[in-house]
């Protein structure tokens, strides 16, 4: 299991990074990105701390830990510049909080994200075909999520991504211990979104590729 979208106490998660990593390891995870919610006010607080703790814990815990950020509720015009700043600060996975149907995300966020230097557009809600095609051109991964609420549009995301040949990735968006899922549950969520075994294996390969890129392998 690889999960590239999770949260710790550095934003609205319940666990400190070490406990999040330990619980993920026990659930069978091989790689985990901690991507706390950030904007211009706090990215320079979050990222250096995650860089430090991920570096210290990875070898000791036997799990690949990747410092990241989820750019969240940032005005679309500022997403590109913030992504650049986050990368310079040390974020190895950059997620943008997409236009989920269960939060008042600014219209235009999906569009701004797929043309920015990011890795993953999380829970992109009712993403358009044009936005998905732009994601495909820019190798931005569209997220299938196991998280309640955000997962309501998984089927739409899967269908649009297939038509646009946009890459998909599966994450939990974990905020609490109970949000972590095992491989079987992740597989079932993907099947529920209308994906077949070949699609799901493709998502796993996408996760593996992103981990290798993030770790410089």
N, C-alpha and C. Protein backbone atom coordinates (compact mmCIF):
# COMPACT_ATOMS: atom_id res chain seq x y z
N UNK A 1 0.85 -1.20 0.00
CA UNK A 1 0.00 0.00 0.00
C UNK A 1 0.88 1.25 0.00
N UNK A 2 0.59 2.15 -0.88
CA UNK A 2 1.27 3.44 -0.96
C UNK A 2 0.21 4.53 -0.83
N UNK A 3 0.47 5.50 0.01
CA UNK A 3 -0.48 6.58 0.24
C UNK A 3 0.27 7.91 0.18
N UNK A 4 -0.08 8.74 -0.77
CA UNK A 4 0.65 9.99 -0.97
C UNK A 4 -0.18 11.22 -0.64
N UNK A 5 -1.14 11.04 0.29
CA UNK A 5 -1.97 12.17 0.73
C UNK A 5 -2.48 11.88 2.13
N UNK A 6 -1.77 12.38 3.14
CA UNK A 6 -2.18 12.20 4.54
C UNK A 6 -1.87 13.47 5.32
N UNK A 7 -2.43 13.53 6.55
CA UNK A 7 -2.30 14.74 7.37
C UNK A 7 -1.91 14.40 8.80
N UNK A 8 -1.10 15.29 9.37
CA UNK A 8 -0.66 15.15 10.77
C UNK A 8 -1.16 16.35 11.57
N UNK A 9 -0.66 16.47 12.80
CA UNK A 9 -1.07 17.60 13.64
C UNK A 9 -0.54 18.93 13.13
N UNK A 10 0.32 18.90 12.11
CA UNK A 10 0.79 20.17 11.54
C UNK A 10 -0.29 20.87 10.75
N UNK A 11 -1.42 20.18 10.52
CA UNK A 11 -2.62 20.88 10.01
C UNK A 11 -3.81 20.35 10.79
N UNK A 12 -4.71 19.61 10.15
CA UNK A 12 -5.91 19.17 10.87
C UNK A 12 -5.94 17.66 11.12
N UNK A 13 -4.79 17.01 11.06
CA UNK A 13 -4.72 15.60 11.39
C UNK A 13 -4.67 15.39 12.90
N UNK A 14 -4.93 14.17 13.34
CA UNK A 14 -4.97 13.86 14.77
C UNK A 14 -3.64 13.34 15.32
N UNK A 15 -2.74 12.90 14.45
CA UNK A 15 -1.53 12.21 14.90
C UNK A 15 -0.27 13.00 14.61
N UNK A 16 0.72 12.87 15.50
CA UNK A 16 2.04 13.39 15.18
C UNK A 16 2.63 12.51 14.08
N UNK A 17 3.59 13.01 13.30
CA UNK A 17 4.10 12.23 12.17
C UNK A 17 4.61 10.85 12.53
N UNK A 18 5.27 10.72 13.68
CA UNK A 18 5.82 9.41 14.03
C UNK A 18 4.71 8.38 14.27
N UNK A 19 3.61 8.79 14.90
CA UNK A 19 2.52 7.83 15.12
C UNK A 19 1.80 7.52 13.82
N UNK A 20 1.62 8.52 12.99
CA UNK A 20 1.01 8.29 11.68
C UNK A 20 1.83 7.28 10.89
N UNK A 21 3.16 7.47 10.89
CA UNK A 21 4.03 6.55 10.16
C UNK A 21 3.97 5.15 10.75
N UNK A 22 3.99 5.05 12.08
CA UNK A 22 3.94 3.74 12.73
C UNK A 22 2.64 3.01 12.41
N UNK A 23 1.53 3.71 12.52
CA UNK A 23 0.24 3.07 12.24
C UNK A 23 0.15 2.63 10.77
N UNK A 24 0.69 3.45 9.87
CA UNK A 24 0.70 3.07 8.46
C UNK A 24 1.56 1.84 8.23
N UNK A 25 2.71 1.79 8.87
CA UNK A 25 3.60 0.64 8.74
C UNK A 25 2.91 -0.64 9.21
N UNK A 26 2.23 -0.57 10.34
CA UNK A 26 1.53 -1.74 10.88
C UNK A 26 0.40 -2.19 9.95
N UNK A 27 -0.22 -1.24 9.25
CA UNK A 27 -1.28 -1.59 8.30
C UNK A 27 -0.74 -2.14 6.99
N UNK A 28 0.59 -2.18 6.85
CA UNK A 28 1.18 -2.76 5.66
C UNK A 28 1.61 -1.78 4.60
N UNK A 29 1.66 -0.51 4.95
CA UNK A 29 2.08 0.51 3.99
C UNK A 29 3.59 0.42 3.76
N UNK A 30 3.98 0.60 2.49
CA UNK A 30 5.40 0.62 2.16
C UNK A 30 5.92 2.03 1.97
N UNK A 31 5.03 2.96 1.69
CA UNK A 31 5.43 4.35 1.47
C UNK A 31 4.28 5.27 1.87
N UNK A 32 4.65 6.42 2.42
CA UNK A 32 3.66 7.36 2.94
C UNK A 32 4.17 8.77 2.72
N UNK A 33 3.33 9.62 2.15
CA UNK A 33 3.64 11.05 2.08
C UNK A 33 2.77 11.77 3.10
N UNK A 34 3.38 12.66 3.86
CA UNK A 34 2.63 13.50 4.79
C UNK A 34 2.48 14.86 4.13
N UNK A 35 1.24 15.23 3.85
CA UNK A 35 0.96 16.40 3.02
C UNK A 35 -0.03 17.31 3.72
N UNK A 36 0.44 17.96 4.76
CA UNK A 36 -0.47 18.80 5.54
C UNK A 36 -0.97 20.00 4.75
N UNK A 37 -2.15 20.47 5.15
CA UNK A 37 -2.78 21.62 4.48
C UNK A 37 -1.91 22.87 4.65
N UNK A 38 -1.67 23.55 3.54
CA UNK A 38 -0.85 24.75 3.63
C UNK A 38 -1.29 25.83 2.66
N UNK A 39 -0.96 27.07 3.03
CA UNK A 39 -1.09 28.21 2.14
C UNK A 39 0.13 29.10 2.36
N UNK A 40 0.06 30.36 1.93
CA UNK A 40 1.22 31.23 2.10
C UNK A 40 1.54 31.51 3.57
N UNK A 41 0.58 31.28 4.45
CA UNK A 41 0.79 31.62 5.87
C UNK A 41 1.60 30.59 6.64
N UNK A 42 1.61 29.34 6.17
CA UNK A 42 2.21 28.30 7.01
C UNK A 42 3.09 27.28 6.30
N UNK A 43 3.24 27.36 4.98
CA UNK A 43 4.01 26.33 4.28
C UNK A 43 5.45 26.29 4.78
N UNK A 44 5.99 27.47 5.16
CA UNK A 44 7.38 27.50 5.62
C UNK A 44 7.52 27.02 7.06
N UNK A 45 6.41 26.81 7.74
CA UNK A 45 6.41 26.15 9.05
C UNK A 45 6.33 24.64 8.88
N UNK A 46 5.42 24.20 8.02
CA UNK A 46 5.14 22.78 7.86
C UNK A 46 6.28 22.02 7.19
N UNK A 47 6.71 22.50 6.04
CA UNK A 47 7.61 21.69 5.21
C UNK A 47 8.95 21.40 5.88
N UNK A 48 9.65 22.38 6.47
CA UNK A 48 10.94 22.04 7.10
C UNK A 48 10.80 21.00 8.21
N UNK A 49 9.71 21.04 8.96
CA UNK A 49 9.51 20.06 10.03
C UNK A 49 9.26 18.67 9.47
N UNK A 50 8.50 18.59 8.40
CA UNK A 50 8.27 17.29 7.78
C UNK A 50 9.54 16.76 7.12
N UNK A 51 10.32 17.63 6.52
CA UNK A 51 11.59 17.20 5.93
C UNK A 51 12.47 16.57 7.01
N UNK A 52 12.54 17.24 8.17
CA UNK A 52 13.40 16.75 9.26
C UNK A 52 12.89 15.42 9.81
N UNK A 53 11.59 15.34 10.11
CA UNK A 53 11.08 14.14 10.76
C UNK A 53 11.02 12.96 9.80
N UNK A 54 10.69 13.19 8.55
CA UNK A 54 10.66 12.09 7.59
C UNK A 54 12.06 11.51 7.39
N UNK A 55 13.05 12.38 7.36
CA UNK A 55 14.42 11.91 7.21
C UNK A 55 14.88 11.07 8.38
N UNK A 56 14.46 11.44 9.58
CA UNK A 56 14.90 10.73 10.78
C UNK A 56 14.17 9.40 10.96
N UNK A 57 12.91 9.34 10.56
CA UNK A 57 12.09 8.18 10.87
C UNK A 57 12.13 7.07 9.82
N UNK A 58 12.40 7.42 8.59
CA UNK A 58 12.23 6.45 7.50
C UNK A 58 13.03 5.17 7.72
N UNK A 59 14.32 5.28 7.95
CA UNK A 59 15.15 4.09 8.12
C UNK A 59 14.78 3.33 9.38
N UNK A 60 14.53 4.05 10.46
CA UNK A 60 14.23 3.40 11.74
C UNK A 60 12.92 2.63 11.68
N UNK A 61 11.94 3.14 10.92
CA UNK A 61 10.63 2.50 10.87
C UNK A 61 10.48 1.54 9.69
N UNK A 62 11.40 1.60 8.75
CA UNK A 62 11.31 0.70 7.61
C UNK A 62 10.18 1.02 6.67
N UNK A 63 9.88 2.30 6.49
CA UNK A 63 8.84 2.75 5.57
C UNK A 63 9.35 4.01 4.88
N UNK A 64 9.10 4.12 3.60
CA UNK A 64 9.49 5.33 2.87
C UNK A 64 8.57 6.47 3.29
N UNK A 65 9.14 7.53 3.82
CA UNK A 65 8.37 8.69 4.28
C UNK A 65 8.75 9.91 3.45
N UNK A 66 7.75 10.58 2.93
CA UNK A 66 7.98 11.67 1.98
C UNK A 66 7.35 12.95 2.50
N UNK A 67 8.14 14.01 2.65
CA UNK A 67 7.58 15.29 3.09
C UNK A 67 6.85 16.00 1.95
N UNK A 68 5.66 16.47 2.24
CA UNK A 68 4.90 17.14 1.19
C UNK A 68 4.04 18.25 1.74
N UNK A 69 3.08 18.65 0.94
CA UNK A 69 2.16 19.73 1.30
C UNK A 69 0.89 19.56 0.47
N UNK A 70 -0.24 19.94 1.03
CA UNK A 70 -1.47 20.04 0.24
C UNK A 70 -1.87 21.51 0.20
N UNK A 71 -1.68 22.12 -0.94
CA UNK A 71 -2.06 23.52 -1.12
C UNK A 71 -3.59 23.58 -1.08
N UNK A 72 -4.11 24.33 -0.10
CA UNK A 72 -5.52 24.20 0.26
C UNK A 72 -6.24 25.54 0.30
N UNK A 73 -7.33 25.65 -0.45
CA UNK A 73 -8.17 26.86 -0.49
C UNK A 73 -7.34 28.11 -0.79
N UNK A 74 -6.33 27.95 -1.61
CA UNK A 74 -5.53 29.09 -2.06
C UNK A 74 -6.17 29.65 -3.33
N UNK A 75 -6.30 30.97 -3.45
CA UNK A 75 -6.87 31.53 -4.66
C UNK A 75 -6.17 30.99 -5.90
N UNK A 76 -6.93 30.60 -6.93
CA UNK A 76 -6.32 29.97 -8.10
C UNK A 76 -5.13 30.74 -8.69
N UNK A 77 -5.19 32.06 -8.69
CA UNK A 77 -4.10 32.84 -9.28
C UNK A 77 -2.78 32.68 -8.53
N UNK A 78 -2.83 32.19 -7.29
CA UNK A 78 -1.63 32.07 -6.48
C UNK A 78 -1.09 30.64 -6.38
N UNK A 79 -1.77 29.69 -6.98
CA UNK A 79 -1.37 28.29 -6.83
C UNK A 79 -0.01 28.01 -7.45
N UNK A 80 0.23 28.52 -8.65
CA UNK A 80 1.49 28.25 -9.33
C UNK A 80 2.67 28.76 -8.51
N UNK A 81 2.60 30.02 -8.07
CA UNK A 81 3.73 30.60 -7.34
C UNK A 81 3.95 29.89 -6.01
N UNK A 82 2.87 29.48 -5.36
CA UNK A 82 3.03 28.79 -4.08
C UNK A 82 3.63 27.40 -4.30
N UNK A 83 3.25 26.73 -5.36
CA UNK A 83 3.83 25.42 -5.66
C UNK A 83 5.34 25.53 -5.85
N UNK A 84 5.77 26.56 -6.54
CA UNK A 84 7.20 26.78 -6.75
C UNK A 84 7.90 27.01 -5.41
N UNK A 85 7.30 27.82 -4.55
CA UNK A 85 7.89 28.09 -3.24
C UNK A 85 7.94 26.83 -2.37
N UNK A 86 6.89 26.03 -2.44
CA UNK A 86 6.86 24.80 -1.64
C UNK A 86 7.93 23.82 -2.11
N UNK A 87 8.14 23.73 -3.39
CA UNK A 87 9.18 22.84 -3.91
C UNK A 87 10.55 23.31 -3.44
N UNK A 88 10.78 24.62 -3.49
CA UNK A 88 12.06 25.16 -3.03
C UNK A 88 12.26 24.91 -1.54
N UNK A 89 11.17 24.89 -0.78
CA UNK A 89 11.25 24.68 0.67
C UNK A 89 11.52 23.22 1.03
N UNK A 90 11.39 22.32 0.06
CA UNK A 90 11.71 20.92 0.32
C UNK A 90 10.57 19.93 0.16
N UNK A 91 9.40 20.39 -0.28
CA UNK A 91 8.28 19.46 -0.49
C UNK A 91 8.59 18.56 -1.68
N UNK A 92 8.50 17.26 -1.46
CA UNK A 92 8.79 16.30 -2.53
C UNK A 92 7.53 15.78 -3.19
N UNK A 93 6.40 15.97 -2.53
CA UNK A 93 5.10 15.68 -3.14
C UNK A 93 4.24 16.92 -2.92
N UNK A 94 3.71 17.48 -3.99
CA UNK A 94 2.82 18.63 -3.87
C UNK A 94 1.44 18.24 -4.38
N UNK A 95 0.49 18.35 -3.47
CA UNK A 95 -0.91 18.06 -3.75
C UNK A 95 -1.67 19.38 -3.75
N UNK A 96 -2.65 19.50 -4.60
CA UNK A 96 -3.57 20.64 -4.53
C UNK A 96 -4.95 20.12 -4.16
N UNK A 97 -5.57 20.78 -3.20
CA UNK A 97 -6.92 20.47 -2.72
C UNK A 97 -7.91 20.87 -3.81
N UNK A 98 -8.43 19.86 -4.52
CA UNK A 98 -9.28 20.12 -5.66
C UNK A 98 -10.70 20.54 -5.31
N UNK A 99 -11.51 20.69 -6.35
CA UNK A 99 -12.86 21.24 -6.21
C UNK A 99 -13.87 20.16 -5.79
N UNK A 100 -13.61 19.56 -4.63
CA UNK A 100 -14.54 18.60 -4.05
C UNK A 100 -15.93 19.22 -3.93
N UNK A 101 -16.95 18.37 -4.06
CA UNK A 101 -18.32 18.88 -3.99
C UNK A 101 -18.79 19.10 -2.56
N UNK A 102 -17.98 18.72 -1.57
CA UNK A 102 -18.42 18.87 -0.18
C UNK A 102 -17.73 20.04 0.55
N UNK A 103 -17.01 20.87 -0.17
CA UNK A 103 -16.40 22.07 0.41
C UNK A 103 -16.50 23.21 -0.58
N UNK A 104 -16.47 24.46 -0.09
CA UNK A 104 -16.60 25.61 -0.98
C UNK A 104 -15.27 26.03 -1.61
N UNK A 105 -14.69 25.13 -2.38
CA UNK A 105 -13.41 25.41 -3.04
C UNK A 105 -13.64 26.40 -4.18
N UNK A 106 -12.74 27.34 -4.34
CA UNK A 106 -12.89 28.38 -5.36
C UNK A 106 -12.93 27.77 -6.76
N UNK A 107 -13.88 28.21 -7.56
CA UNK A 107 -13.97 27.78 -8.95
C UNK A 107 -12.69 28.22 -9.67
N UNK A 108 -12.15 27.33 -10.45
CA UNK A 108 -10.90 27.61 -11.15
C UNK A 108 -9.70 26.96 -10.50
N UNK A 109 -9.92 26.36 -9.31
CA UNK A 109 -8.80 25.70 -8.61
C UNK A 109 -8.28 24.51 -9.41
N UNK A 110 -9.19 23.67 -9.93
CA UNK A 110 -8.74 22.52 -10.71
C UNK A 110 -7.90 22.96 -11.90
N UNK A 111 -8.40 23.95 -12.61
CA UNK A 111 -7.70 24.44 -13.81
C UNK A 111 -6.32 24.98 -13.45
N UNK A 112 -6.24 25.76 -12.38
CA UNK A 112 -4.95 26.33 -11.98
C UNK A 112 -3.98 25.22 -11.55
N UNK A 113 -4.51 24.19 -10.90
CA UNK A 113 -3.66 23.11 -10.40
C UNK A 113 -3.03 22.31 -11.53
N UNK A 114 -3.80 21.97 -12.55
CA UNK A 114 -3.28 21.07 -13.58
C UNK A 114 -2.28 21.74 -14.51
N UNK A 115 -2.13 23.06 -14.41
CA UNK A 115 -1.10 23.74 -15.20
C UNK A 115 0.05 24.23 -14.31
N UNK A 116 0.01 23.88 -13.03
CA UNK A 116 1.05 24.27 -12.08
C UNK A 116 2.05 23.11 -11.91
N UNK A 117 3.24 23.39 -11.36
CA UNK A 117 4.24 22.34 -11.17
C UNK A 117 3.96 21.51 -9.91
N UNK A 118 2.88 20.74 -9.96
CA UNK A 118 2.46 19.93 -8.82
C UNK A 118 2.46 18.46 -9.23
N UNK A 119 2.14 17.59 -8.28
CA UNK A 119 2.11 16.16 -8.55
C UNK A 119 0.71 15.58 -8.61
N UNK A 120 -0.17 15.99 -7.67
CA UNK A 120 -1.47 15.36 -7.52
C UNK A 120 -2.56 16.42 -7.35
N UNK A 121 -3.65 16.27 -8.10
CA UNK A 121 -4.85 17.06 -7.86
C UNK A 121 -5.80 16.18 -7.07
N UNK A 122 -5.97 16.51 -5.79
CA UNK A 122 -6.77 15.67 -4.89
C UNK A 122 -8.26 15.90 -5.11
N UNK A 123 -9.02 14.82 -4.92
CA UNK A 123 -10.49 14.86 -4.97
C UNK A 123 -11.01 16.01 -5.83
N UNK A 124 -10.84 15.91 -7.16
CA UNK A 124 -11.16 17.04 -8.04
C UNK A 124 -12.63 17.20 -8.37
N UNK A 125 -13.50 16.50 -7.65
CA UNK A 125 -14.93 16.73 -7.81
C UNK A 125 -15.42 16.50 -9.23
N UNK A 126 -16.18 17.45 -9.74
CA UNK A 126 -16.75 17.33 -11.08
C UNK A 126 -15.80 17.94 -12.10
N UNK A 127 -14.59 17.44 -12.12
CA UNK A 127 -13.56 17.93 -13.04
C UNK A 127 -14.06 17.82 -14.48
N UNK A 128 -13.68 18.79 -15.30
CA UNK A 128 -14.12 18.79 -16.69
C UNK A 128 -13.17 17.98 -17.56
N UNK A 129 -13.65 17.63 -18.75
CA UNK A 129 -12.81 16.90 -19.70
C UNK A 129 -11.59 17.72 -20.09
N UNK A 130 -11.78 19.03 -20.26
CA UNK A 130 -10.65 19.90 -20.64
C UNK A 130 -9.60 19.93 -19.55
N UNK A 131 -10.02 20.00 -18.29
CA UNK A 131 -9.07 20.01 -17.18
C UNK A 131 -8.33 18.68 -17.09
N UNK A 132 -9.04 17.60 -17.32
CA UNK A 132 -8.41 16.28 -17.29
C UNK A 132 -7.39 16.12 -18.41
N UNK A 133 -7.70 16.65 -19.57
CA UNK A 133 -6.74 16.59 -20.68
C UNK A 133 -5.49 17.41 -20.37
N UNK A 134 -5.69 18.55 -19.71
CA UNK A 134 -4.53 19.36 -19.29
C UNK A 134 -3.71 18.60 -18.26
N UNK A 135 -4.36 17.90 -17.36
CA UNK A 135 -3.64 17.08 -16.39
C UNK A 135 -2.82 16.01 -17.10
N UNK A 136 -3.40 15.41 -18.12
CA UNK A 136 -2.69 14.40 -18.90
C UNK A 136 -1.46 14.98 -19.56
N UNK A 137 -1.60 16.15 -20.16
CA UNK A 137 -0.47 16.79 -20.84
C UNK A 137 0.65 17.13 -19.87
N UNK A 138 0.29 17.49 -18.64
CA UNK A 138 1.28 17.95 -17.66
C UNK A 138 1.66 16.89 -16.63
N UNK A 139 1.20 15.66 -16.84
CA UNK A 139 1.52 14.54 -15.94
C UNK A 139 1.13 14.84 -14.49
N UNK A 140 -0.02 15.46 -14.32
CA UNK A 140 -0.58 15.67 -12.98
C UNK A 140 -1.55 14.53 -12.71
N UNK A 141 -1.36 13.85 -11.59
CA UNK A 141 -2.18 12.69 -11.25
C UNK A 141 -3.51 13.14 -10.64
N UNK A 142 -4.61 12.54 -11.11
CA UNK A 142 -5.93 12.81 -10.56
C UNK A 142 -6.24 11.74 -9.51
N UNK A 143 -6.79 12.18 -8.40
CA UNK A 143 -6.94 11.29 -7.25
C UNK A 143 -8.30 10.60 -7.18
N UNK A 144 -8.24 9.30 -6.97
CA UNK A 144 -9.38 8.52 -6.48
C UNK A 144 -9.15 8.40 -4.98
N UNK A 145 -10.15 8.76 -4.19
CA UNK A 145 -9.95 8.86 -2.74
C UNK A 145 -10.86 7.91 -1.97
N UNK A 146 -10.35 7.41 -0.87
CA UNK A 146 -11.17 6.59 0.02
C UNK A 146 -11.88 7.43 1.07
N UNK A 147 -11.66 8.73 1.09
CA UNK A 147 -12.20 9.58 2.15
C UNK A 147 -13.69 9.87 1.95
N UNK A 148 -14.43 9.74 3.04
CA UNK A 148 -15.86 10.02 3.00
C UNK A 148 -16.12 11.42 2.47
N UNK A 149 -17.19 11.58 1.74
CA UNK A 149 -17.54 12.88 1.19
C UNK A 149 -16.81 13.15 -0.11
N UNK A 150 -15.50 13.27 -0.04
CA UNK A 150 -14.71 13.51 -1.24
C UNK A 150 -14.87 12.39 -2.25
N UNK A 151 -15.16 11.18 -1.75
CA UNK A 151 -15.25 10.02 -2.63
C UNK A 151 -16.55 9.98 -3.44
N UNK A 152 -17.46 10.90 -3.18
CA UNK A 152 -18.74 10.89 -3.88
C UNK A 152 -18.60 10.99 -5.39
N UNK A 153 -17.55 11.65 -5.83
CA UNK A 153 -17.37 11.86 -7.28
C UNK A 153 -16.28 10.97 -7.87
N UNK A 154 -15.86 9.93 -7.15
CA UNK A 154 -14.84 9.03 -7.68
C UNK A 154 -15.21 8.47 -9.05
N UNK A 155 -16.46 8.08 -9.21
CA UNK A 155 -16.89 7.50 -10.47
C UNK A 155 -16.74 8.48 -11.63
N UNK A 156 -17.12 9.72 -11.39
CA UNK A 156 -16.98 10.75 -12.41
C UNK A 156 -15.50 10.98 -12.75
N UNK A 157 -14.67 11.08 -11.72
CA UNK A 157 -13.24 11.30 -11.94
C UNK A 157 -12.64 10.16 -12.75
N UNK A 158 -12.99 8.93 -12.39
CA UNK A 158 -12.46 7.77 -13.11
C UNK A 158 -12.87 7.79 -14.58
N UNK A 159 -14.12 8.13 -14.85
CA UNK A 159 -14.61 8.14 -16.23
C UNK A 159 -13.93 9.24 -17.05
N UNK A 160 -13.86 10.43 -16.49
CA UNK A 160 -13.25 11.55 -17.21
C UNK A 160 -11.76 11.29 -17.44
N UNK A 161 -11.10 10.73 -16.44
CA UNK A 161 -9.66 10.44 -16.58
C UNK A 161 -9.43 9.41 -17.67
N UNK A 162 -10.28 8.40 -17.73
CA UNK A 162 -10.14 7.37 -18.77
C UNK A 162 -10.28 7.99 -20.15
N UNK A 163 -11.26 8.84 -20.31
CA UNK A 163 -11.49 9.47 -21.62
C UNK A 163 -10.35 10.38 -22.02
N UNK A 164 -9.76 11.07 -21.04
CA UNK A 164 -8.69 12.03 -21.32
C UNK A 164 -7.31 11.39 -21.28
N UNK A 165 -7.26 10.10 -20.90
CA UNK A 165 -5.98 9.40 -20.71
C UNK A 165 -5.12 10.12 -19.67
N UNK A 166 -5.80 10.62 -18.63
CA UNK A 166 -5.10 11.28 -17.52
C UNK A 166 -4.71 10.23 -16.49
N UNK A 167 -3.53 10.36 -15.88
CA UNK A 167 -3.09 9.37 -14.90
C UNK A 167 -3.86 9.47 -13.59
N UNK A 168 -4.18 8.32 -13.03
CA UNK A 168 -4.91 8.26 -11.77
C UNK A 168 -4.01 7.74 -10.65
N UNK A 169 -4.38 8.12 -9.44
CA UNK A 169 -3.67 7.63 -8.26
C UNK A 169 -4.70 7.47 -7.14
N UNK A 170 -4.47 6.51 -6.24
CA UNK A 170 -5.41 6.29 -5.16
C UNK A 170 -4.77 6.63 -3.82
N UNK A 171 -5.45 7.47 -3.04
CA UNK A 171 -4.96 7.90 -1.73
C UNK A 171 -6.10 7.86 -0.71
N UNK A 172 -5.73 7.99 0.57
CA UNK A 172 -6.75 7.97 1.63
C UNK A 172 -7.14 9.34 2.16
N UNK A 173 -6.26 10.33 2.00
CA UNK A 173 -6.51 11.63 2.62
C UNK A 173 -6.75 11.45 4.11
N UNK A 174 -5.93 10.62 4.75
CA UNK A 174 -6.12 10.29 6.16
C UNK A 174 -5.88 11.49 7.07
N UNK A 175 -6.81 11.64 8.03
CA UNK A 175 -6.68 12.64 9.08
C UNK A 175 -6.65 12.00 10.47
N UNK A 176 -7.11 10.76 10.55
CA UNK A 176 -7.23 10.06 11.83
C UNK A 176 -6.84 8.59 11.62
N UNK A 177 -6.54 7.87 12.72
CA UNK A 177 -6.13 6.47 12.57
C UNK A 177 -7.11 5.63 11.77
N UNK A 178 -8.40 5.84 11.96
CA UNK A 178 -9.39 5.04 11.27
C UNK A 178 -9.50 5.31 9.79
N UNK A 179 -8.84 6.36 9.31
CA UNK A 179 -8.88 6.68 7.88
C UNK A 179 -7.93 5.83 7.05
N UNK A 180 -6.90 5.28 7.69
CA UNK A 180 -5.97 4.42 6.97
C UNK A 180 -6.69 3.14 6.56
N UNK A 181 -6.50 2.71 5.34
CA UNK A 181 -7.18 1.52 4.85
C UNK A 181 -6.15 0.50 4.38
N UNK A 182 -6.56 -0.75 4.34
CA UNK A 182 -5.66 -1.77 3.82
C UNK A 182 -5.84 -1.89 2.31
N UNK A 183 -5.01 -2.73 1.69
CA UNK A 183 -5.02 -2.86 0.24
C UNK A 183 -6.36 -3.36 -0.27
N UNK A 184 -6.99 -4.24 0.47
CA UNK A 184 -8.28 -4.79 0.04
C UNK A 184 -9.35 -3.71 -0.02
N UNK A 185 -9.41 -2.86 1.01
CA UNK A 185 -10.40 -1.78 0.99
C UNK A 185 -10.11 -0.79 -0.13
N UNK A 186 -8.85 -0.45 -0.32
CA UNK A 186 -8.49 0.47 -1.40
C UNK A 186 -8.93 -0.10 -2.74
N UNK A 187 -8.72 -1.39 -2.94
CA UNK A 187 -9.12 -2.05 -4.18
C UNK A 187 -10.64 -1.98 -4.36
N UNK A 188 -11.37 -2.20 -3.27
CA UNK A 188 -12.83 -2.17 -3.35
C UNK A 188 -13.35 -0.78 -3.70
N UNK A 189 -12.72 0.26 -3.13
CA UNK A 189 -13.12 1.64 -3.46
C UNK A 189 -12.90 1.91 -4.94
N UNK A 190 -11.77 1.44 -5.46
CA UNK A 190 -11.48 1.64 -6.88
C UNK A 190 -12.49 0.91 -7.76
N UNK A 191 -12.83 -0.32 -7.40
CA UNK A 191 -13.83 -1.07 -8.16
C UNK A 191 -15.18 -0.34 -8.10
N UNK A 192 -15.50 0.20 -6.94
CA UNK A 192 -16.74 0.95 -6.79
C UNK A 192 -16.79 2.19 -7.66
N UNK A 193 -15.61 2.71 -8.02
CA UNK A 193 -15.55 3.88 -8.90
C UNK A 193 -15.64 3.49 -10.37
N UNK A 194 -15.78 2.18 -10.63
CA UNK A 194 -15.92 1.74 -12.01
C UNK A 194 -14.63 1.32 -12.66
N UNK A 195 -13.56 1.20 -11.87
CA UNK A 195 -12.27 0.80 -12.42
C UNK A 195 -12.14 -0.71 -12.43
N UNK A 196 -11.38 -1.22 -13.38
CA UNK A 196 -11.13 -2.65 -13.48
C UNK A 196 -9.74 -2.96 -12.98
N UNK A 197 -9.41 -4.25 -12.87
CA UNK A 197 -8.14 -4.65 -12.30
C UNK A 197 -6.95 -3.98 -12.98
N UNK A 198 -6.99 -3.89 -14.30
CA UNK A 198 -5.87 -3.28 -15.03
C UNK A 198 -5.70 -1.81 -14.65
N UNK A 199 -6.82 -1.11 -14.46
CA UNK A 199 -6.76 0.30 -14.04
C UNK A 199 -6.13 0.42 -12.66
N UNK A 200 -6.54 -0.47 -11.76
CA UNK A 200 -6.07 -0.40 -10.38
C UNK A 200 -4.58 -0.70 -10.30
N UNK A 201 -4.15 -1.68 -11.07
CA UNK A 201 -2.71 -1.98 -11.12
C UNK A 201 -1.95 -0.80 -11.71
N UNK A 202 -2.57 -0.12 -12.66
CA UNK A 202 -1.95 1.08 -13.22
C UNK A 202 -1.80 2.17 -12.18
N UNK A 203 -2.80 2.34 -11.31
CA UNK A 203 -2.70 3.33 -10.25
C UNK A 203 -1.56 2.99 -9.30
N UNK A 204 -1.38 1.70 -9.00
CA UNK A 204 -0.28 1.30 -8.14
C UNK A 204 1.05 1.62 -8.78
N UNK A 205 1.18 1.36 -10.07
CA UNK A 205 2.42 1.71 -10.77
C UNK A 205 2.65 3.21 -10.74
N UNK A 206 1.58 3.99 -10.88
CA UNK A 206 1.71 5.44 -10.80
C UNK A 206 2.22 5.88 -9.43
N UNK A 207 1.69 5.27 -8.38
CA UNK A 207 2.16 5.57 -7.02
C UNK A 207 3.63 5.23 -6.87
N UNK A 208 4.01 4.08 -7.38
CA UNK A 208 5.41 3.67 -7.28
C UNK A 208 6.33 4.64 -8.03
N UNK A 209 5.88 5.08 -9.19
CA UNK A 209 6.67 6.02 -9.97
C UNK A 209 6.84 7.35 -9.25
N UNK A 210 5.77 7.82 -8.59
CA UNK A 210 5.86 9.08 -7.87
C UNK A 210 6.78 8.96 -6.65
N UNK A 211 6.74 7.81 -5.98
CA UNK A 211 7.64 7.58 -4.84
C UNK A 211 9.09 7.61 -5.31
N UNK A 212 9.39 6.95 -6.41
CA UNK A 212 10.76 6.93 -6.93
C UNK A 212 11.21 8.34 -7.29
N UNK A 213 10.32 9.09 -7.93
CA UNK A 213 10.65 10.47 -8.28
C UNK A 213 10.90 11.31 -7.04
N UNK A 214 10.03 11.16 -6.05
CA UNK A 214 10.15 11.96 -4.83
C UNK A 214 11.42 11.65 -4.06
N UNK A 215 11.84 10.39 -4.11
CA UNK A 215 13.03 9.98 -3.37
C UNK A 215 14.30 10.07 -4.21
N UNK A 216 14.14 10.49 -5.46
CA UNK A 216 15.30 10.66 -6.33
C UNK A 216 15.94 9.34 -6.75
N UNK A 217 15.11 8.32 -6.92
CA UNK A 217 15.65 6.99 -7.29
C UNK A 217 15.51 6.74 -8.77
